[in-house]
Amino acid sequence: MENDERLILRCPVAVEGKYDKIRLENVVQTPVFVLNGFGIFRDTEKKELLSRVCREQGLILLTDSDRAGAFLRGKLKGILRGGTVYQVYAPQRKGKEKRKSAPSADGLLGVEGTDGKTLRELLLPFAAENGLPHGAGVTEAEWYAHGFSGGENASEKRKALARALDLPDNLTSRGLLEAINLLVDRETYERTRNGL
């Protein structure tokens, strides 16, 4: 899909793995979090971030419709308690993802193997009617110009900014930018970065 055809959703999406994210980013312009399968259960910072996103904006949870996906959803209900989680399910279709040598244990295609048209239809009810969700709206060019990527000491500056904004300080540059654009208004971002 062309970028201007991608959906802008009212809240971000969480998927199981990086290939699910790659597939979904062809369909939506909204931030997509990767759970890293069961790795999410050991990632305290990411759990805290997702819980905050759920409380403040809501989160679309899109996992495979197999047993592993169901287990992941069940465990995440407890972790994300107190927030809004929208459950969206990949259709249960038999098959094998192209990059894999064998089908999954349940023999079903997951998010990665679901075509873009179907994913778009699944997510269309969550499309934002008035543009992007609130947030700082910091562009990648601004992020670079402000010294948080690509420059000397950018990593240390990001960690200081993350701590000042009460965000996990171990996020990647892109991850921190996405979190700020989801959870922080522009005035707070500017005041905080100028105070570092």
N, C-alpha and C. Protein backbone atom coordinates (compact mmCIF):
# COMPACT_ATOMS: atom_id res chain seq x y z
N MET A 1 0.84 -1.19 0.00
CA MET A 1 0.00 0.00 0.00
C MET A 1 0.87 1.24 0.00
N GLU A 2 0.41 2.27 -0.63
CA GLU A 2 1.10 3.54 -0.61
C GLU A 2 0.94 4.15 0.77
N ASN A 3 1.93 4.96 1.17
CA ASN A 3 1.89 5.56 2.50
C ASN A 3 0.61 6.34 2.75
N ASP A 4 0.10 7.05 1.74
CA ASP A 4 -1.10 7.86 1.96
C ASP A 4 -2.36 7.01 2.05
N GLU A 5 -2.25 5.73 1.78
CA GLU A 5 -3.40 4.83 1.92
C GLU A 5 -3.38 4.08 3.25
N ARG A 6 -2.28 4.19 3.98
CA ARG A 6 -2.20 3.47 5.25
C ARG A 6 -3.15 4.11 6.26
N LEU A 7 -3.70 3.27 7.12
CA LEU A 7 -4.63 3.74 8.14
C LEU A 7 -3.91 4.47 9.27
N ILE A 8 -4.52 5.51 9.76
CA ILE A 8 -4.08 6.16 10.99
C ILE A 8 -5.09 5.73 12.05
N LEU A 9 -4.61 5.01 13.05
CA LEU A 9 -5.49 4.45 14.07
C LEU A 9 -5.55 5.34 15.30
N ARG A 10 -6.62 5.19 16.07
CA ARG A 10 -6.82 6.00 17.29
C ARG A 10 -5.84 5.65 18.39
N CYS A 11 -5.28 4.45 18.33
CA CYS A 11 -4.32 4.04 19.35
C CYS A 11 -3.32 3.07 18.73
N PRO A 12 -2.18 2.87 19.37
CA PRO A 12 -1.17 1.98 18.81
C PRO A 12 -1.58 0.51 18.85
N VAL A 13 -0.76 -0.30 18.21
CA VAL A 13 -1.02 -1.74 18.08
C VAL A 13 0.16 -2.50 18.67
N ALA A 14 -0.11 -3.63 19.30
CA ALA A 14 0.93 -4.54 19.76
C ALA A 14 0.78 -5.86 19.02
N VAL A 15 1.90 -6.37 18.50
CA VAL A 15 1.92 -7.64 17.78
C VAL A 15 2.99 -8.54 18.39
N GLU A 16 2.96 -9.82 18.05
CA GLU A 16 3.87 -10.78 18.66
C GLU A 16 5.32 -10.60 18.26
N GLY A 17 5.60 -10.46 16.98
CA GLY A 17 6.99 -10.45 16.53
C GLY A 17 7.31 -9.40 15.49
N LYS A 18 8.61 -9.32 15.16
CA LYS A 18 9.07 -8.27 14.25
C LYS A 18 8.52 -8.44 12.84
N TYR A 19 8.29 -9.66 12.39
CA TYR A 19 7.75 -9.84 11.05
C TYR A 19 6.28 -9.45 10.98
N ASP A 20 5.57 -9.61 12.11
CA ASP A 20 4.20 -9.11 12.19
C ASP A 20 4.20 -7.59 12.07
N LYS A 21 5.16 -6.96 12.74
CA LYS A 21 5.27 -5.50 12.69
C LYS A 21 5.55 -5.03 11.26
N ILE A 22 6.46 -5.70 10.60
CA ILE A 22 6.80 -5.33 9.22
C ILE A 22 5.56 -5.41 8.33
N ARG A 23 4.79 -6.48 8.48
CA ARG A 23 3.57 -6.66 7.70
C ARG A 23 2.59 -5.53 8.00
N LEU A 24 2.40 -5.25 9.28
CA LEU A 24 1.41 -4.26 9.70
C LEU A 24 1.79 -2.84 9.29
N GLU A 25 3.08 -2.54 9.29
CA GLU A 25 3.51 -1.19 8.91
C GLU A 25 3.23 -0.87 7.45
N ASN A 26 2.90 -1.88 6.66
CA ASN A 26 2.45 -1.64 5.28
C ASN A 26 0.98 -1.24 5.24
N VAL A 27 0.30 -1.38 6.37
CA VAL A 27 -1.15 -1.15 6.44
C VAL A 27 -1.49 0.07 7.28
N VAL A 28 -0.70 0.33 8.34
CA VAL A 28 -1.01 1.44 9.25
C VAL A 28 0.16 2.40 9.39
N GLN A 29 -0.15 3.64 9.74
CA GLN A 29 0.87 4.66 10.03
C GLN A 29 1.04 4.85 11.52
N THR A 30 0.36 4.07 12.28
CA THR A 30 0.32 4.18 13.73
C THR A 30 1.46 3.38 14.34
N PRO A 31 1.99 3.78 15.50
CA PRO A 31 3.05 3.00 16.15
C PRO A 31 2.64 1.55 16.40
N VAL A 32 3.59 0.65 16.17
CA VAL A 32 3.37 -0.78 16.38
C VAL A 32 4.44 -1.28 17.35
N PHE A 33 4.00 -1.81 18.48
CA PHE A 33 4.91 -2.38 19.47
C PHE A 33 5.09 -3.86 19.21
N VAL A 34 6.31 -4.36 19.39
CA VAL A 34 6.61 -5.78 19.25
C VAL A 34 6.73 -6.39 20.65
N LEU A 35 5.96 -7.43 20.90
CA LEU A 35 5.98 -8.10 22.21
C LEU A 35 7.15 -9.07 22.35
N ASN A 36 7.75 -9.47 21.22
CA ASN A 36 8.80 -10.49 21.22
C ASN A 36 8.29 -11.79 21.82
N GLY A 37 7.08 -12.15 21.41
CA GLY A 37 6.48 -13.39 21.90
C GLY A 37 6.41 -13.41 23.42
N PHE A 38 6.84 -14.50 24.01
CA PHE A 38 6.80 -14.63 25.46
C PHE A 38 7.88 -13.79 26.13
N GLY A 39 8.77 -13.19 25.34
CA GLY A 39 9.80 -12.31 25.88
C GLY A 39 9.23 -11.11 26.62
N ILE A 40 8.00 -10.73 26.30
CA ILE A 40 7.36 -9.60 26.97
C ILE A 40 7.27 -9.83 28.47
N PHE A 41 7.15 -11.08 28.89
CA PHE A 41 6.97 -11.37 30.31
C PHE A 41 8.23 -11.08 31.13
N ARG A 42 9.40 -11.03 30.47
CA ARG A 42 10.66 -10.74 31.16
C ARG A 42 11.08 -9.28 30.99
N ASP A 43 10.36 -8.53 30.18
CA ASP A 43 10.74 -7.15 29.85
C ASP A 43 9.92 -6.16 30.69
N THR A 44 10.41 -5.87 31.89
CA THR A 44 9.68 -5.02 32.83
C THR A 44 9.40 -3.64 32.26
N GLU A 45 10.41 -3.04 31.61
CA GLU A 45 10.23 -1.69 31.08
C GLU A 45 9.15 -1.64 30.00
N LYS A 46 9.17 -2.63 29.11
CA LYS A 46 8.16 -2.64 28.04
C LYS A 46 6.77 -2.90 28.61
N LYS A 47 6.67 -3.76 29.61
CA LYS A 47 5.37 -3.99 30.25
C LYS A 47 4.83 -2.70 30.86
N GLU A 48 5.72 -1.96 31.52
CA GLU A 48 5.31 -0.69 32.12
C GLU A 48 4.87 0.31 31.05
N LEU A 49 5.61 0.37 29.96
CA LEU A 49 5.27 1.29 28.88
C LEU A 49 3.91 0.92 28.27
N LEU A 50 3.70 -0.36 27.99
CA LEU A 50 2.43 -0.80 27.41
C LEU A 50 1.27 -0.55 28.37
N SER A 51 1.50 -0.75 29.66
CA SER A 51 0.45 -0.48 30.64
C SER A 51 0.07 1.00 30.63
N ARG A 52 1.06 1.85 30.53
CA ARG A 52 0.79 3.29 30.50
C ARG A 52 0.04 3.67 29.22
N VAL A 53 0.48 3.13 28.09
CA VAL A 53 -0.22 3.39 26.82
C VAL A 53 -1.67 2.94 26.93
N CYS A 54 -1.91 1.77 27.51
CA CYS A 54 -3.28 1.26 27.67
C CYS A 54 -4.13 2.20 28.51
N ARG A 55 -3.56 2.70 29.59
CA ARG A 55 -4.32 3.60 30.47
C ARG A 55 -4.60 4.94 29.80
N GLU A 56 -3.63 5.46 29.05
CA GLU A 56 -3.76 6.81 28.53
C GLU A 56 -4.40 6.88 27.15
N GLN A 57 -4.22 5.84 26.33
CA GLN A 57 -4.75 5.90 24.96
C GLN A 57 -5.52 4.68 24.54
N GLY A 58 -5.23 3.56 25.15
CA GLY A 58 -5.77 2.29 24.68
C GLY A 58 -4.74 1.62 23.79
N LEU A 59 -4.89 0.31 23.61
CA LEU A 59 -3.94 -0.47 22.84
C LEU A 59 -4.70 -1.54 22.08
N ILE A 60 -4.41 -1.66 20.80
CA ILE A 60 -4.97 -2.74 19.99
C ILE A 60 -4.02 -3.92 20.09
N LEU A 61 -4.52 -5.04 20.54
CA LEU A 61 -3.71 -6.26 20.66
C LEU A 61 -4.07 -7.18 19.50
N LEU A 62 -3.10 -7.38 18.61
CA LEU A 62 -3.31 -8.20 17.41
C LEU A 62 -2.31 -9.34 17.43
N THR A 63 -2.76 -10.51 17.83
CA THR A 63 -1.88 -11.68 17.87
C THR A 63 -2.42 -12.75 16.93
N ASP A 64 -1.60 -13.76 16.74
CA ASP A 64 -2.03 -14.89 15.93
C ASP A 64 -3.19 -15.59 16.63
N SER A 65 -3.99 -16.29 15.86
CA SER A 65 -5.16 -16.99 16.42
C SER A 65 -4.85 -18.44 16.76
N ASP A 66 -3.62 -18.71 17.13
CA ASP A 66 -3.24 -20.07 17.52
C ASP A 66 -3.16 -20.17 19.05
N ARG A 67 -2.74 -21.32 19.55
CA ARG A 67 -2.67 -21.51 21.00
C ARG A 67 -1.69 -20.55 21.67
N ALA A 68 -0.56 -20.32 21.00
CA ALA A 68 0.44 -19.40 21.57
C ALA A 68 -0.13 -17.98 21.66
N GLY A 69 -0.86 -17.55 20.64
CA GLY A 69 -1.49 -16.24 20.66
C GLY A 69 -2.52 -16.11 21.76
N ALA A 70 -3.29 -17.17 21.96
CA ALA A 70 -4.31 -17.17 23.01
C ALA A 70 -3.66 -17.12 24.39
N PHE A 71 -2.56 -17.86 24.58
CA PHE A 71 -1.84 -17.85 25.85
C PHE A 71 -1.29 -16.45 26.13
N LEU A 72 -0.71 -15.84 25.12
CA LEU A 72 -0.15 -14.49 25.25
C LEU A 72 -1.22 -13.48 25.64
N ARG A 73 -2.36 -13.55 24.98
CA ARG A 73 -3.48 -12.65 25.30
C ARG A 73 -3.94 -12.83 26.74
N GLY A 74 -4.07 -14.07 27.15
CA GLY A 74 -4.54 -14.36 28.50
C GLY A 74 -3.61 -13.77 29.56
N LYS A 75 -2.31 -13.96 29.38
CA LYS A 75 -1.34 -13.43 30.34
C LYS A 75 -1.31 -11.90 30.31
N LEU A 76 -1.46 -11.31 29.11
CA LEU A 76 -1.41 -9.84 28.99
C LEU A 76 -2.61 -9.17 29.64
N LYS A 77 -3.73 -9.87 29.74
CA LYS A 77 -4.90 -9.29 30.40
C LYS A 77 -4.57 -8.85 31.81
N GLY A 78 -3.82 -9.68 32.53
CA GLY A 78 -3.42 -9.33 33.88
C GLY A 78 -2.41 -8.20 33.92
N ILE A 79 -1.47 -8.22 33.01
CA ILE A 79 -0.42 -7.20 32.97
C ILE A 79 -1.00 -5.83 32.62
N LEU A 80 -1.96 -5.81 31.70
CA LEU A 80 -2.51 -4.55 31.20
C LEU A 80 -3.81 -4.15 31.89
N ARG A 81 -4.08 -4.75 33.03
CA ARG A 81 -5.29 -4.45 33.79
C ARG A 81 -5.36 -2.96 34.11
N GLY A 82 -6.54 -2.39 34.03
CA GLY A 82 -6.71 -0.98 34.33
C GLY A 82 -6.65 -0.09 33.11
N GLY A 83 -6.30 -0.66 31.98
CA GLY A 83 -6.25 0.10 30.73
C GLY A 83 -7.25 -0.45 29.74
N THR A 84 -7.30 0.17 28.59
CA THR A 84 -8.22 -0.27 27.54
C THR A 84 -7.46 -1.07 26.50
N VAL A 85 -7.85 -2.33 26.33
CA VAL A 85 -7.23 -3.21 25.34
C VAL A 85 -8.32 -3.63 24.35
N TYR A 86 -8.06 -3.37 23.08
CA TYR A 86 -8.96 -3.80 22.02
C TYR A 86 -8.39 -5.07 21.41
N GLN A 87 -9.13 -6.15 21.51
CA GLN A 87 -8.68 -7.44 21.01
C GLN A 87 -9.05 -7.58 19.53
N VAL A 88 -8.04 -7.76 18.69
CA VAL A 88 -8.25 -7.99 17.26
C VAL A 88 -7.52 -9.28 16.92
N TYR A 89 -8.18 -10.15 16.20
CA TYR A 89 -7.62 -11.48 15.95
C TYR A 89 -7.35 -11.69 14.46
N ALA A 90 -6.17 -12.22 14.17
CA ALA A 90 -5.88 -12.64 12.80
C ALA A 90 -6.82 -13.80 12.48
N PRO A 91 -7.33 -13.86 11.25
CA PRO A 91 -8.24 -14.96 10.90
C PRO A 91 -7.52 -16.31 10.99
N GLN A 92 -8.27 -17.33 11.37
CA GLN A 92 -7.69 -18.67 11.45
C GLN A 92 -7.72 -19.31 10.06
N ARG A 93 -6.57 -19.20 9.40
CA ARG A 93 -6.44 -19.77 8.06
C ARG A 93 -5.27 -20.73 8.05
N LYS A 94 -5.50 -21.89 7.50
CA LYS A 94 -4.43 -22.89 7.38
C LYS A 94 -3.37 -22.38 6.42
N GLY A 95 -2.13 -22.70 6.73
CA GLY A 95 -1.06 -22.31 5.83
C GLY A 95 0.27 -22.18 6.55
N LYS A 96 1.26 -21.70 5.79
CA LYS A 96 2.62 -21.54 6.28
C LYS A 96 3.16 -20.21 5.78
N GLU A 97 3.78 -19.45 6.68
CA GLU A 97 4.40 -18.20 6.27
C GLU A 97 5.53 -18.49 5.28
N LYS A 98 5.71 -17.61 4.31
CA LYS A 98 6.69 -17.82 3.24
C LYS A 98 8.11 -18.00 3.76
N ARG A 99 8.50 -17.25 4.78
CA ARG A 99 9.89 -17.31 5.24
C ARG A 99 10.18 -18.56 6.08
N LYS A 100 9.15 -19.31 6.48
CA LYS A 100 9.34 -20.46 7.35
C LYS A 100 9.42 -21.76 6.53
N SER A 101 10.19 -22.70 7.04
CA SER A 101 10.33 -23.98 6.33
C SER A 101 9.19 -24.95 6.65
N ALA A 102 8.49 -24.71 7.75
CA ALA A 102 7.38 -25.58 8.14
C ALA A 102 6.27 -24.73 8.75
N PRO A 103 5.04 -25.22 8.71
CA PRO A 103 3.94 -24.48 9.33
C PRO A 103 4.12 -24.41 10.85
N SER A 104 3.38 -23.52 11.48
CA SER A 104 3.41 -23.42 12.94
C SER A 104 2.84 -24.69 13.55
N ALA A 105 2.95 -24.83 14.85
CA ALA A 105 2.46 -26.03 15.54
C ALA A 105 0.99 -26.27 15.26
N ASP A 106 0.20 -25.19 15.15
CA ASP A 106 -1.24 -25.32 14.87
C ASP A 106 -1.55 -25.31 13.38
N GLY A 107 -0.53 -25.09 12.54
CA GLY A 107 -0.74 -25.09 11.09
C GLY A 107 -1.52 -23.89 10.57
N LEU A 108 -1.47 -22.78 11.32
CA LEU A 108 -2.24 -21.59 10.94
C LEU A 108 -1.32 -20.45 10.53
N LEU A 109 -1.81 -19.63 9.62
CA LEU A 109 -1.10 -18.39 9.29
C LEU A 109 -1.31 -17.42 10.44
N GLY A 110 -0.32 -16.62 10.70
CA GLY A 110 -0.45 -15.59 11.73
C GLY A 110 -0.61 -14.23 11.09
N VAL A 111 -0.36 -13.20 11.87
CA VAL A 111 -0.44 -11.83 11.37
C VAL A 111 0.49 -11.66 10.17
N GLU A 112 1.69 -12.19 10.31
CA GLU A 112 2.69 -12.10 9.24
C GLU A 112 2.19 -12.66 7.91
N GLY A 113 1.40 -13.71 7.97
CA GLY A 113 0.92 -14.37 6.76
C GLY A 113 -0.43 -13.88 6.28
N THR A 114 -1.01 -12.90 6.98
CA THR A 114 -2.32 -12.37 6.60
C THR A 114 -2.13 -11.24 5.59
N ASP A 115 -2.92 -11.25 4.54
CA ASP A 115 -2.77 -10.23 3.50
C ASP A 115 -3.17 -8.85 4.00
N GLY A 116 -2.60 -7.83 3.35
CA GLY A 116 -2.83 -6.45 3.75
C GLY A 116 -4.28 -6.03 3.72
N LYS A 117 -5.02 -6.51 2.73
CA LYS A 117 -6.44 -6.14 2.62
C LYS A 117 -7.23 -6.63 3.84
N THR A 118 -6.96 -7.85 4.27
CA THR A 118 -7.65 -8.40 5.44
C THR A 118 -7.27 -7.64 6.70
N LEU A 119 -5.98 -7.34 6.87
CA LEU A 119 -5.55 -6.59 8.04
C LEU A 119 -6.20 -5.21 8.06
N ARG A 120 -6.28 -4.58 6.90
CA ARG A 120 -6.92 -3.26 6.81
C ARG A 120 -8.38 -3.35 7.25
N GLU A 121 -9.08 -4.36 6.80
CA GLU A 121 -10.49 -4.53 7.18
C GLU A 121 -10.64 -4.77 8.68
N LEU A 122 -9.72 -5.55 9.25
CA LEU A 122 -9.76 -5.81 10.70
C LEU A 122 -9.57 -4.53 11.51
N LEU A 123 -8.72 -3.63 11.01
CA LEU A 123 -8.34 -2.44 11.78
C LEU A 123 -9.14 -1.19 11.42
N LEU A 124 -9.91 -1.26 10.35
CA LEU A 124 -10.68 -0.09 9.90
C LEU A 124 -11.59 0.50 10.99
N PRO A 125 -12.23 -0.32 11.83
CA PRO A 125 -13.08 0.27 12.88
C PRO A 125 -12.31 1.15 13.87
N PHE A 126 -11.00 1.02 13.91
CA PHE A 126 -10.18 1.79 14.85
C PHE A 126 -9.52 3.00 14.20
N ALA A 127 -9.89 3.30 12.96
CA ALA A 127 -9.27 4.42 12.25
C ALA A 127 -9.61 5.74 12.94
N ALA A 128 -8.62 6.59 13.07
CA ALA A 128 -8.82 7.92 13.66
C ALA A 128 -9.54 8.79 12.64
N GLU A 129 -10.54 9.49 13.08
CA GLU A 129 -11.30 10.34 12.17
C GLU A 129 -10.68 11.73 12.03
N ASN A 130 -9.91 12.12 13.01
CA ASN A 130 -9.36 13.48 13.00
C ASN A 130 -7.85 13.49 13.03
N GLY A 131 -7.21 12.62 12.29
CA GLY A 131 -5.75 12.63 12.22
C GLY A 131 -5.10 11.84 13.34
N LEU A 132 -3.84 12.15 13.56
CA LEU A 132 -3.04 11.41 14.52
C LEU A 132 -3.50 11.66 15.95
N PRO A 133 -3.29 10.69 16.83
CA PRO A 133 -3.60 10.89 18.24
C PRO A 133 -2.76 12.03 18.81
N HIS A 134 -3.18 12.54 19.99
CA HIS A 134 -2.42 13.62 20.61
C HIS A 134 -1.01 13.15 20.89
N GLY A 135 -0.15 14.08 21.11
CA GLY A 135 1.24 13.75 21.40
C GLY A 135 2.13 14.89 20.97
N ALA A 136 3.42 14.72 21.18
CA ALA A 136 4.37 15.80 20.91
C ALA A 136 4.51 16.10 19.43
N GLY A 137 4.30 15.11 18.57
CA GLY A 137 4.43 15.34 17.13
C GLY A 137 5.85 15.67 16.70
N VAL A 138 6.83 15.08 17.36
CA VAL A 138 8.23 15.34 17.03
C VAL A 138 8.60 14.52 15.80
N THR A 139 9.12 15.18 14.78
CA THR A 139 9.54 14.49 13.56
C THR A 139 10.93 13.89 13.76
N GLU A 140 11.32 12.98 12.89
CA GLU A 140 12.67 12.40 12.96
C GLU A 140 13.73 13.47 12.74
N ALA A 141 13.45 14.44 11.86
CA ALA A 141 14.40 15.52 11.62
C ALA A 141 14.59 16.37 12.87
N GLU A 142 13.51 16.67 13.57
CA GLU A 142 13.61 17.43 14.82
C GLU A 142 14.37 16.63 15.88
N TRP A 143 14.07 15.34 15.96
CA TRP A 143 14.72 14.45 16.91
C TRP A 143 16.24 14.51 16.72
N TYR A 144 16.66 14.48 15.46
CA TYR A 144 18.08 14.58 15.13
C TYR A 144 18.62 15.96 15.49
N ALA A 145 17.91 17.01 15.08
CA ALA A 145 18.34 18.39 15.34
C ALA A 145 18.43 18.69 16.84
N HIS A 146 17.60 18.04 17.63
CA HIS A 146 17.61 18.25 19.08
C HIS A 146 18.71 17.43 19.77
N GLY A 147 19.43 16.63 18.98
CA GLY A 147 20.57 15.90 19.51
C GLY A 147 20.27 14.54 20.09
N PHE A 148 19.08 13.99 19.80
CA PHE A 148 18.71 12.71 20.38
C PHE A 148 18.97 11.51 19.46
N SER A 149 19.46 11.76 18.26
CA SER A 149 19.85 10.65 17.39
C SER A 149 20.99 11.09 16.49
N GLY A 150 21.87 10.16 16.20
CA GLY A 150 22.91 10.37 15.21
C GLY A 150 24.09 11.23 15.61
N GLY A 151 24.03 11.87 16.74
CA GLY A 151 25.12 12.76 17.12
C GLY A 151 25.90 12.25 18.31
N GLU A 152 26.90 13.04 18.66
CA GLU A 152 27.73 12.69 19.80
C GLU A 152 26.89 12.74 21.08
N ASN A 153 27.05 11.74 21.92
CA ASN A 153 26.34 11.64 23.20
C ASN A 153 24.81 11.53 23.05
N ALA A 154 24.32 11.18 21.87
CA ALA A 154 22.87 11.07 21.66
C ALA A 154 22.25 10.05 22.60
N SER A 155 22.94 8.94 22.82
CA SER A 155 22.40 7.89 23.69
C SER A 155 22.24 8.39 25.13
N GLU A 156 23.23 9.10 25.63
CA GLU A 156 23.14 9.65 26.99
C GLU A 156 22.04 10.70 27.09
N LYS A 157 21.92 11.53 26.05
CA LYS A 157 20.87 12.55 26.04
C LYS A 157 19.49 11.92 26.04
N ARG A 158 19.33 10.83 25.26
CA ARG A 158 18.04 10.13 25.23
C ARG A 158 17.70 9.55 26.61
N LYS A 159 18.70 8.95 27.25
CA LYS A 159 18.46 8.36 28.58
C LYS A 159 18.04 9.44 29.57
N ALA A 160 18.70 10.58 29.53
CA ALA A 160 18.34 11.68 30.44
C ALA A 160 16.92 12.18 30.14
N LEU A 161 16.60 12.31 28.87
CA LEU A 161 15.26 12.75 28.48
C LEU A 161 14.21 11.73 28.93
N ALA A 162 14.48 10.45 28.70
CA ALA A 162 13.55 9.40 29.09
C ALA A 162 13.29 9.44 30.59
N ARG A 163 14.36 9.55 31.37
CA ARG A 163 14.20 9.59 32.83
C ARG A 163 13.39 10.82 33.25
N ALA A 164 13.67 11.96 32.62
CA ALA A 164 12.96 13.19 32.97
C ALA A 164 11.47 13.11 32.62
N LEU A 165 11.14 12.33 31.60
CA LEU A 165 9.74 12.17 31.18
C LEU A 165 9.09 10.93 31.79
N ASP A 166 9.80 10.25 32.69
CA ASP A 166 9.30 9.05 33.35
C ASP A 166 8.98 7.95 32.34
N LEU A 167 9.90 7.78 31.39
CA LEU A 167 9.80 6.72 30.40
C LEU A 167 10.99 5.78 30.56
N PRO A 168 10.88 4.54 30.11
CA PRO A 168 12.02 3.62 30.21
C PRO A 168 13.24 4.19 29.50
N ASP A 169 14.40 4.11 30.13
CA ASP A 169 15.60 4.70 29.52
C ASP A 169 16.37 3.72 28.65
N ASN A 170 15.84 2.53 28.46
CA ASN A 170 16.53 1.56 27.60
C ASN A 170 15.84 1.38 26.25
N LEU A 171 14.96 2.29 25.89
CA LEU A 171 14.31 2.21 24.58
C LEU A 171 15.29 2.62 23.49
N THR A 172 15.10 2.09 22.31
CA THR A 172 15.89 2.53 21.17
C THR A 172 15.53 3.98 20.86
N SER A 173 16.31 4.60 20.03
CA SER A 173 16.02 5.98 19.63
C SER A 173 14.62 6.08 19.04
N ARG A 174 14.31 5.17 18.14
CA ARG A 174 12.98 5.18 17.50
C ARG A 174 11.89 4.87 18.51
N GLY A 175 12.15 3.91 19.40
CA GLY A 175 11.16 3.55 20.41
C GLY A 175 10.84 4.70 21.34
N LEU A 176 11.88 5.44 21.77
CA LEU A 176 11.65 6.58 22.64
C LEU A 176 10.89 7.68 21.91
N LEU A 177 11.24 7.92 20.66
CA LEU A 177 10.51 8.92 19.87
C LEU A 177 9.04 8.54 19.75
N GLU A 178 8.76 7.26 19.48
CA GLU A 178 7.37 6.80 19.39
C GLU A 178 6.64 7.00 20.72
N ALA A 179 7.31 6.66 21.82
CA ALA A 179 6.69 6.80 23.14
C ALA A 179 6.37 8.27 23.42
N ILE A 180 7.29 9.15 23.11
CA ILE A 180 7.07 10.58 23.33
C ILE A 180 5.90 11.08 22.48
N ASN A 181 5.87 10.63 21.23
CA ASN A 181 4.78 11.07 20.35
C ASN A 181 3.44 10.47 20.73
N LEU A 182 3.45 9.46 21.59
CA LEU A 182 2.20 8.88 22.09
C LEU A 182 1.77 9.47 23.43
N LEU A 183 2.73 9.74 24.28
CA LEU A 183 2.40 9.98 25.69
C LEU A 183 2.69 11.37 26.22
N VAL A 184 3.40 12.19 25.47
CA VAL A 184 3.85 13.48 25.97
C VAL A 184 3.35 14.58 25.04
N ASP A 185 2.82 15.66 25.61
CA ASP A 185 2.41 16.76 24.74
C ASP A 185 3.63 17.59 24.35
N ARG A 186 3.46 18.41 23.33
CA ARG A 186 4.59 19.16 22.77
C ARG A 186 5.20 20.12 23.79
N GLU A 187 4.37 20.77 24.54
CA GLU A 187 4.87 21.74 25.53
C GLU A 187 5.76 21.06 26.56
N THR A 188 5.34 19.89 27.05
CA THR A 188 6.13 19.16 28.04
C THR A 188 7.44 18.68 27.43
N TYR A 189 7.38 18.20 26.20
CA TYR A 189 8.61 17.76 25.52
C TYR A 189 9.60 18.92 25.41
N GLU A 190 9.14 20.06 24.91
CA GLU A 190 10.03 21.21 24.71
C GLU A 190 10.60 21.69 26.04
N ARG A 191 9.77 21.80 27.06
CA ARG A 191 10.22 22.26 28.37
C ARG A 191 11.26 21.30 28.94
N THR A 192 11.01 19.99 28.79
CA THR A 192 11.91 18.99 29.35
C THR A 192 13.24 18.97 28.61
N ARG A 193 13.19 18.95 27.30
CA ARG A 193 14.46 18.88 26.54
C ARG A 193 15.28 20.14 26.74
N ASN A 194 14.63 21.28 26.88
CA ASN A 194 15.38 22.52 27.10
C ASN A 194 15.94 22.60 28.50
N GLY A 195 15.38 21.82 29.44
CA GLY A 195 15.85 21.82 30.82
C GLY A 195 16.96 20.84 31.09
N LEU A 196 17.32 20.03 30.11
CA LEU A 196 18.37 19.03 30.31
C LEU A 196 19.75 19.66 30.36
